[in-house]
């Protein structure tokens, strides 16, 4: 008979279906309310970017990890196909580094083919390092967001990538315990502009 501690640890493993279901619900809430911090479900065996990748990735999608944020063993556990950034459905990147890669923006006929970028940041807690003002669908008026550990070039690149809406990219900012979604429909100002 399994004791309750082992059962809880299994359900808090990023690789358990229960964890991935809870994480997916939290991620959908994050996309419904851009800029609002959503806690990642408690996880015993991974950090932010790996948790989000485990929620989103399977054998049907491609993943690029140009900054090698996910351990090779975890890439294999994801079961996803590794790809270069310009062909990846999902890209995991270090927010402290400028985005120096090509990616897919989708097409007018298939804008959903634009990449989703999972960006590791130092913190999504209140910080004066990088205050952003967000506007758009899912936001009542405007929403402020403080981000620590996000290179200002990300917002410049995001504006360029999303200039031909509906084509573009969606961003998921993640620290060790929480995430924030910035869909391509969200307008940003502030930061280092």
C-alpha atoms as a PDB file:
ATOM      1  CA  UNK A   1       0.000   0.000   0.000  1.00  0.00           C
ATOM      2  CA  UNK A   2       1.317   3.425  -0.953  1.00  0.00           C
ATOM      3  CA  UNK A   3       1.448   6.027   1.788  1.00  0.00           C
ATOM      4  CA  UNK A   4      -0.136   9.439   1.298  1.00  0.00           C
ATOM      5  CA  UNK A   5       3.233  11.235   1.162  1.00  0.00           C
ATOM      6  CA  UNK A   6       4.341   9.224  -1.872  1.00  0.00           C
ATOM      7  CA  UNK A   7       0.980   9.802  -3.566  1.00  0.00           C
ATOM      8  CA  UNK A   8       1.229  13.568  -2.997  1.00  0.00           C
ATOM      9  CA  UNK A   9       4.784  13.613  -4.353  1.00  0.00           C
ATOM     10  CA  UNK A  10       3.685  11.722  -7.456  1.00  0.00           C
ATOM     11  CA  UNK A  11       0.858  14.200  -8.094  1.00  0.00           C
ATOM     12  CA  UNK A  12       3.287  17.106  -7.621  1.00  0.00           C
ATOM     13  CA  UNK A  13       5.679  15.675 -10.182  1.00  0.00           C
ATOM     14  CA  UNK A  14       5.760  17.732 -13.363  1.00  0.00           C
ATOM     15  CA  UNK A  15       5.462  14.432 -15.251  1.00  0.00           C
ATOM     16  CA  UNK A  16       2.149  13.376 -13.677  1.00  0.00           C
ATOM     17  CA  UNK A  17      -1.066  13.848 -15.663  1.00  0.00           C
ATOM     18  CA  UNK A  18      -2.709  15.462 -12.631  1.00  0.00           C
ATOM     19  CA  UNK A  19       0.041  18.098 -12.400  1.00  0.00           C
ATOM     20  CA  UNK A  20      -0.174  18.793 -16.128  1.00  0.00           C
ATOM     21  CA  UNK A  21      -3.968  19.178 -15.955  1.00  0.00           C
ATOM     22  CA  UNK A  22      -3.732  21.626 -13.040  1.00  0.00           C
ATOM     23  CA  UNK A  23      -0.950  23.483 -14.826  1.00  0.00           C
ATOM     24  CA  UNK A  24      -2.930  23.684 -18.063  1.00  0.00           C
ATOM     25  CA  UNK A  25      -5.910  25.206 -16.229  1.00  0.00           C
ATOM     26  CA  UNK A  26      -3.603  27.783 -14.617  1.00  0.00           C
ATOM     27  CA  UNK A  27      -2.040  28.570 -17.996  1.00  0.00           C
ATOM     28  CA  UNK A  28      -5.453  29.048 -19.637  1.00  0.00           C
ATOM     29  CA  UNK A  29      -6.372  31.441 -16.824  1.00  0.00           C
ATOM     30  CA  UNK A  30      -3.118  33.314 -17.456  1.00  0.00           C
ATOM     31  CA  UNK A  31      -4.021  33.699 -21.145  1.00  0.00           C
ATOM     32  CA  UNK A  32      -7.582  34.768 -20.281  1.00  0.00           C
ATOM     33  CA  UNK A  33      -6.224  37.498 -17.992  1.00  0.00           C
ATOM     34  CA  UNK A  34      -2.968  38.767 -19.547  1.00  0.00           C
ATOM     35  CA  UNK A  35      -0.523  40.280 -17.092  1.00  0.00           C
ATOM     36  CA  UNK A  36      -2.100  38.629 -14.082  1.00  0.00           C
ATOM     37  CA  UNK A  37       0.328  36.381 -12.220  1.00  0.00           C
ATOM     38  CA  UNK A  38      -0.788  32.769 -11.965  1.00  0.00           C
ATOM     39  CA  UNK A  39       0.915  30.394  -9.557  1.00  0.00           C
ATOM     40  CA  UNK A  40       2.399  27.260 -11.035  1.00  0.00           C
ATOM     41  CA  UNK A  41       1.054  24.195  -9.251  1.00  0.00           C
ATOM     42  CA  UNK A  42       3.539  23.052  -6.589  1.00  0.00           C
ATOM     43  CA  UNK A  43       6.194  20.912  -8.218  1.00  0.00           C
ATOM     44  CA  UNK A  44       8.750  18.636  -6.606  1.00  0.00           C
ATOM     45  CA  UNK A  45      11.058  17.907  -9.519  1.00  0.00           C
ATOM     46  CA  UNK A  46      11.396  20.880 -11.892  1.00  0.00           C
ATOM     47  CA  UNK A  47      11.595  24.667 -12.127  1.00  0.00           C
ATOM     48  CA  UNK A  48       9.442  27.154 -14.038  1.00  0.00           C
ATOM     49  CA  UNK A  49      10.425  26.717 -17.709  1.00  0.00           C
ATOM     50  CA  UNK A  50      10.458  22.917 -17.482  1.00  0.00           C
ATOM     51  CA  UNK A  51       7.076  22.971 -15.721  1.00  0.00           C
ATOM     52  CA  UNK A  52       5.502  25.088 -18.472  1.00  0.00           C
ATOM     53  CA  UNK A  53       7.080  22.954 -21.212  1.00  0.00           C
ATOM     54  CA  UNK A  54       5.705  19.809 -19.541  1.00  0.00           C
ATOM     55  CA  UNK A  55       2.242  21.382 -19.511  1.00  0.00           C
ATOM     56  CA  UNK A  56       2.337  22.300 -23.215  1.00  0.00           C
ATOM     57  CA  UNK A  57       4.604  19.877 -25.047  1.00  0.00           C
ATOM     58  CA  UNK A  58       4.063  16.379 -26.341  1.00  0.00           C
ATOM     59  CA  UNK A  59       5.096  14.348 -29.371  1.00  0.00           C
ATOM     60  CA  UNK A  60       2.865  16.430 -31.670  1.00  0.00           C
ATOM     61  CA  UNK A  61       4.814  19.691 -31.284  1.00  0.00           C
ATOM     62  CA  UNK A  62       8.343  20.959 -31.772  1.00  0.00           C
ATOM     63  CA  UNK A  63      10.514  22.595 -29.123  1.00  0.00           C
ATOM     64  CA  UNK A  64      13.650  24.736 -29.319  1.00  0.00           C
ATOM     65  CA  UNK A  65      15.801  25.413 -26.269  1.00  0.00           C
ATOM     66  CA  UNK A  66      18.536  27.724 -27.603  1.00  0.00           C
ATOM     67  CA  UNK A  67      19.772  28.688 -24.121  1.00  0.00           C
ATOM     68  CA  UNK A  68      19.688  25.097 -22.822  1.00  0.00           C
ATOM     69  CA  UNK A  69      17.382  25.828 -19.889  1.00  0.00           C
ATOM     70  CA  UNK A  70      15.835  22.350 -19.837  1.00  0.00           C
ATOM     71  CA  UNK A  71      17.965  19.377 -18.862  1.00  0.00           C
ATOM     72  CA  UNK A  72      18.536  16.883 -21.728  1.00  0.00           C
ATOM     73  CA  UNK A  73      16.866  14.105 -19.720  1.00  0.00           C
ATOM     74  CA  UNK A  74      13.780  16.313 -19.331  1.00  0.00           C
ATOM     75  CA  UNK A  75      13.731  17.099 -23.068  1.00  0.00           C
ATOM     76  CA  UNK A  76      13.543  13.342 -23.677  1.00  0.00           C
ATOM     77  CA  UNK A  77      10.805  12.952 -21.065  1.00  0.00           C
ATOM     78  CA  UNK A  78       8.751  15.620 -22.827  1.00  0.00           C
ATOM     79  CA  UNK A  79       8.612  13.353 -25.871  1.00  0.00           C
ATOM     80  CA  UNK A  80       8.629  16.388 -28.117  1.00  0.00           C
ATOM     81  CA  UNK A  81      10.591  16.817 -31.326  1.00  0.00           C
ATOM     82  CA  UNK A  82      13.576  19.145 -30.976  1.00  0.00           C
ATOM     83  CA  UNK A  83      13.822  21.813 -33.683  1.00  0.00           C
ATOM     84  CA  UNK A  84      15.651  25.000 -34.546  1.00  0.00           C
ATOM     85  CA  UNK A  85      13.907  28.165 -33.363  1.00  0.00           C
ATOM     86  CA  UNK A  86      12.670  29.066 -36.847  1.00  0.00           C
ATOM     87  CA  UNK A  87      10.680  25.804 -37.017  1.00  0.00           C
ATOM     88  CA  UNK A  88       9.625  25.373 -33.374  1.00  0.00           C
ATOM     89  CA  UNK A  89       6.091  25.531 -32.016  1.00  0.00           C
ATOM     90  CA  UNK A  90       7.522  26.346 -28.577  1.00  0.00           C
ATOM     91  CA  UNK A  91      10.771  28.090 -27.678  1.00  0.00           C
ATOM     92  CA  UNK A  92      12.281  28.193 -24.185  1.00  0.00           C
ATOM     93  CA  UNK A  93      14.538  31.209 -23.679  1.00  0.00           C
ATOM     94  CA  UNK A  94      16.451  33.096 -21.014  1.00  0.00           C
ATOM     95  CA  UNK A  95      14.856  36.519 -20.538  1.00  0.00           C
ATOM     96  CA  UNK A  96      18.096  38.106 -19.372  1.00  0.00           C
ATOM     97  CA  UNK A  97      19.588  37.530 -22.829  1.00  0.00           C
ATOM     98  CA  UNK A  98      18.369  39.413 -25.913  1.00  0.00           C
ATOM     99  CA  UNK A  99      16.335  37.370 -28.390  1.00  0.00           C
ATOM    100  CA  UNK A 100      18.911  36.624 -31.078  1.00  0.00           C
ATOM    101  CA  UNK A 101      17.114  33.996 -33.116  1.00  0.00           C
ATOM    102  CA  UNK A 102      14.593  33.600 -35.919  1.00  0.00           C
ATOM    103  CA  UNK A 103      11.168  32.116 -35.270  1.00  0.00           C
ATOM    104  CA  UNK A 104       7.904  31.347 -36.992  1.00  0.00           C
ATOM    105  CA  UNK A 105       5.107  33.932 -36.956  1.00  0.00           C
ATOM    106  CA  UNK A 106       2.457  31.805 -38.641  1.00  0.00           C
ATOM    107  CA  UNK A 107       0.626  32.947 -41.760  1.00  0.00           C
ATOM    108  CA  UNK A 108      -2.554  34.916 -42.413  1.00  0.00           C
ATOM    109  CA  UNK A 109      -4.308  31.617 -43.105  1.00  0.00           C
ATOM    110  CA  UNK A 110      -2.765  29.856 -40.094  1.00  0.00           C
ATOM    111  CA  UNK A 111      -1.788  32.458 -37.488  1.00  0.00           C
ATOM    112  CA  UNK A 112      -1.943  29.800 -34.768  1.00  0.00           C
ATOM    113  CA  UNK A 113       1.293  28.427 -36.233  1.00  0.00           C
ATOM    114  CA  UNK A 114       3.168  31.365 -34.677  1.00  0.00           C
ATOM    115  CA  UNK A 115       5.573  30.323 -31.937  1.00  0.00           C
ATOM    116  CA  UNK A 116       4.883  30.480 -28.226  1.00  0.00           C
ATOM    117  CA  UNK A 117       7.965  31.594 -26.308  1.00  0.00           C
ATOM    118  CA  UNK A 118       8.435  30.467 -22.712  1.00  0.00           C
ATOM    119  CA  UNK A 119      10.744  33.081 -21.191  1.00  0.00           C
ATOM    120  CA  UNK A 120      12.510  32.497 -17.894  1.00  0.00           C
ATOM    121  CA  UNK A 121      12.757  35.679 -15.827  1.00  0.00           C
ATOM    122  CA  UNK A 122      14.295  36.253 -12.399  1.00  0.00           C
ATOM    123  CA  UNK A 123      11.038  37.295 -10.756  1.00  0.00           C
ATOM    124  CA  UNK A 124       7.464  38.297 -11.463  1.00  0.00           C
ATOM    125  CA  UNK A 125       7.071  39.805  -8.005  1.00  0.00           C
ATOM    126  CA  UNK A 126       6.658  43.531  -7.598  1.00  0.00           C
ATOM    127  CA  UNK A 127       9.810  45.205  -8.820  1.00  0.00           C
ATOM    128  CA  UNK A 128      10.765  48.586 -10.169  1.00  0.00           C
ATOM    129  CA  UNK A 129      13.270  46.977 -12.555  1.00  0.00           C
ATOM    130  CA  UNK A 130      10.919  46.621 -15.476  1.00  0.00           C
ATOM    131  CA  UNK A 131       7.414  48.045 -14.917  1.00  0.00           C
ATOM    132  CA  UNK A 132       5.075  47.386 -17.830  1.00  0.00           C
ATOM    133  CA  UNK A 133       1.605  48.708 -18.577  1.00  0.00           C
ATOM    134  CA  UNK A 134      -0.601  46.243 -20.453  1.00  0.00           C
ATOM    135  CA  UNK A 135      -3.821  46.873 -22.394  1.00  0.00           C
ATOM    136  CA  UNK A 136      -6.021  44.712 -24.558  1.00  0.00           C
ATOM    137  CA  UNK A 137      -8.505  41.836 -24.471  1.00  0.00           C
ATOM    138  CA  UNK A 138      -8.896  40.260 -21.034  1.00  0.00           C
ATOM    139  CA  UNK A 139      -7.647  43.390 -19.261  1.00  0.00           C
ATOM    140  CA  UNK A 140     -10.067  45.819 -17.597  1.00  0.00           C
ATOM    141  CA  UNK A 141      -8.590  49.151 -18.654  1.00  0.00           C
ATOM    142  CA  UNK A 142      -4.934  48.538 -17.989  1.00  0.00           C
ATOM    143  CA  UNK A 143      -2.823  46.138 -15.959  1.00  0.00           C
ATOM    144  CA  UNK A 144       0.600  46.831 -14.507  1.00  0.00           C
ATOM    145  CA  UNK A 145       3.240  44.139 -14.396  1.00  0.00           C
ATOM    146  CA  UNK A 146       6.668  44.221 -12.796  1.00  0.00           C
ATOM    147  CA  UNK A 147       9.305  41.919 -14.249  1.00  0.00           C
ATOM    148  CA  UNK A 148      12.859  41.421 -13.045  1.00  0.00           C
ATOM    149  CA  UNK A 149      15.383  39.761 -15.348  1.00  0.00           C
ATOM    150  CA  UNK A 150      13.851  40.615 -18.737  1.00  0.00           C
ATOM    151  CA  UNK A 151      16.159  42.216 -21.290  1.00  0.00           C
ATOM    152  CA  UNK A 152      14.467  45.251 -22.871  1.00  0.00           C
ATOM    153  CA  UNK A 153      15.140  43.879 -26.356  1.00  0.00           C
ATOM    154  CA  UNK A 154      12.355  41.338 -25.810  1.00  0.00           C
ATOM    155  CA  UNK A 155       9.677  44.045 -25.975  1.00  0.00           C
ATOM    156  CA  UNK A 156      11.231  45.575 -29.081  1.00  0.00           C
ATOM    157  CA  UNK A 157      11.344  42.170 -30.780  1.00  0.00           C
ATOM    158  CA  UNK A 158       7.806  41.330 -29.606  1.00  0.00           C
ATOM    159  CA  UNK A 159       6.463  44.538 -31.186  1.00  0.00           C
ATOM    160  CA  UNK A 160       8.221  43.675 -34.455  1.00  0.00           C
ATOM    161  CA  UNK A 161       7.027  40.038 -34.419  1.00  0.00           C
ATOM    162  CA  UNK A 162       3.412  41.054 -33.735  1.00  0.00           C
ATOM    163  CA  UNK A 163       3.146  44.030 -36.097  1.00  0.00           C
ATOM    164  CA  UNK A 164       1.210  42.044 -38.729  1.00  0.00           C
ATOM    165  CA  UNK A 165      -1.577  40.726 -36.522  1.00  0.00           C
ATOM    166  CA  UNK A 166      -3.044  38.073 -36.497  1.00  0.00           C
ATOM    167  CA  UNK A 167       0.409  36.683 -37.260  1.00  0.00           C
ATOM    168  CA  UNK A 168       2.880  36.842 -34.394  1.00  0.00           C
ATOM    169  CA  UNK A 169       4.007  35.179 -31.202  1.00  0.00           C
ATOM    170  CA  UNK A 170       2.655  34.675 -27.707  1.00  0.00           C
ATOM    171  CA  UNK A 171       4.885  34.990 -24.647  1.00  0.00           C
ATOM    172  CA  UNK A 172       4.755  33.177 -21.332  1.00  0.00           C
ATOM    173  CA  UNK A 173       6.957  34.769 -18.675  1.00  0.00           C
ATOM    174  CA  UNK A 174       7.857  32.352 -15.893  1.00  0.00           C
ATOM    175  CA  UNK A 175       9.928  32.430 -12.737  1.00  0.00           C
ATOM    176  CA  UNK A 176      10.329  29.503 -10.355  1.00  0.00           C
ATOM    177  CA  UNK A 177       6.788  29.638  -8.939  1.00  0.00           C
ATOM    178  CA  UNK A 178       4.483  31.634 -11.211  1.00  0.00           C
ATOM    179  CA  UNK A 179       3.740  32.602 -14.783  1.00  0.00           C
ATOM    180  CA  UNK A 180       2.221  35.447 -16.790  1.00  0.00           C
ATOM    181  CA  UNK A 181       0.865  35.230 -20.332  1.00  0.00           C
ATOM    182  CA  UNK A 182       1.300  37.985 -22.906  1.00  0.00           C
ATOM    183  CA  UNK A 183      -0.759  36.992 -25.940  1.00  0.00           C
ATOM    184  CA  UNK A 184      -0.036  38.758 -29.210  1.00  0.00           C
ATOM    185  CA  UNK A 185      -3.233  40.812 -28.704  1.00  0.00           C
ATOM    186  CA  UNK A 186      -1.821  42.483 -25.570  1.00  0.00           C
ATOM    187  CA  UNK A 187      -0.321  45.942 -26.045  1.00  0.00           C
ATOM    188  CA  UNK A 188       2.655  46.817 -23.846  1.00  0.00           C
ATOM    189  CA  UNK A 189       4.233  50.108 -22.848  1.00  0.00           C
ATOM    190  CA  UNK A 190       6.773  51.050 -20.227  1.00  0.00           C
ATOM    191  CA  UNK A 191       9.763  48.917 -19.457  1.00  0.00           C
ATOM    192  CA  UNK A 192      12.802  50.461 -21.068  1.00  0.00           C
ATOM    193  CA  UNK A 193      11.019  52.378 -23.840  1.00  0.00           C
END
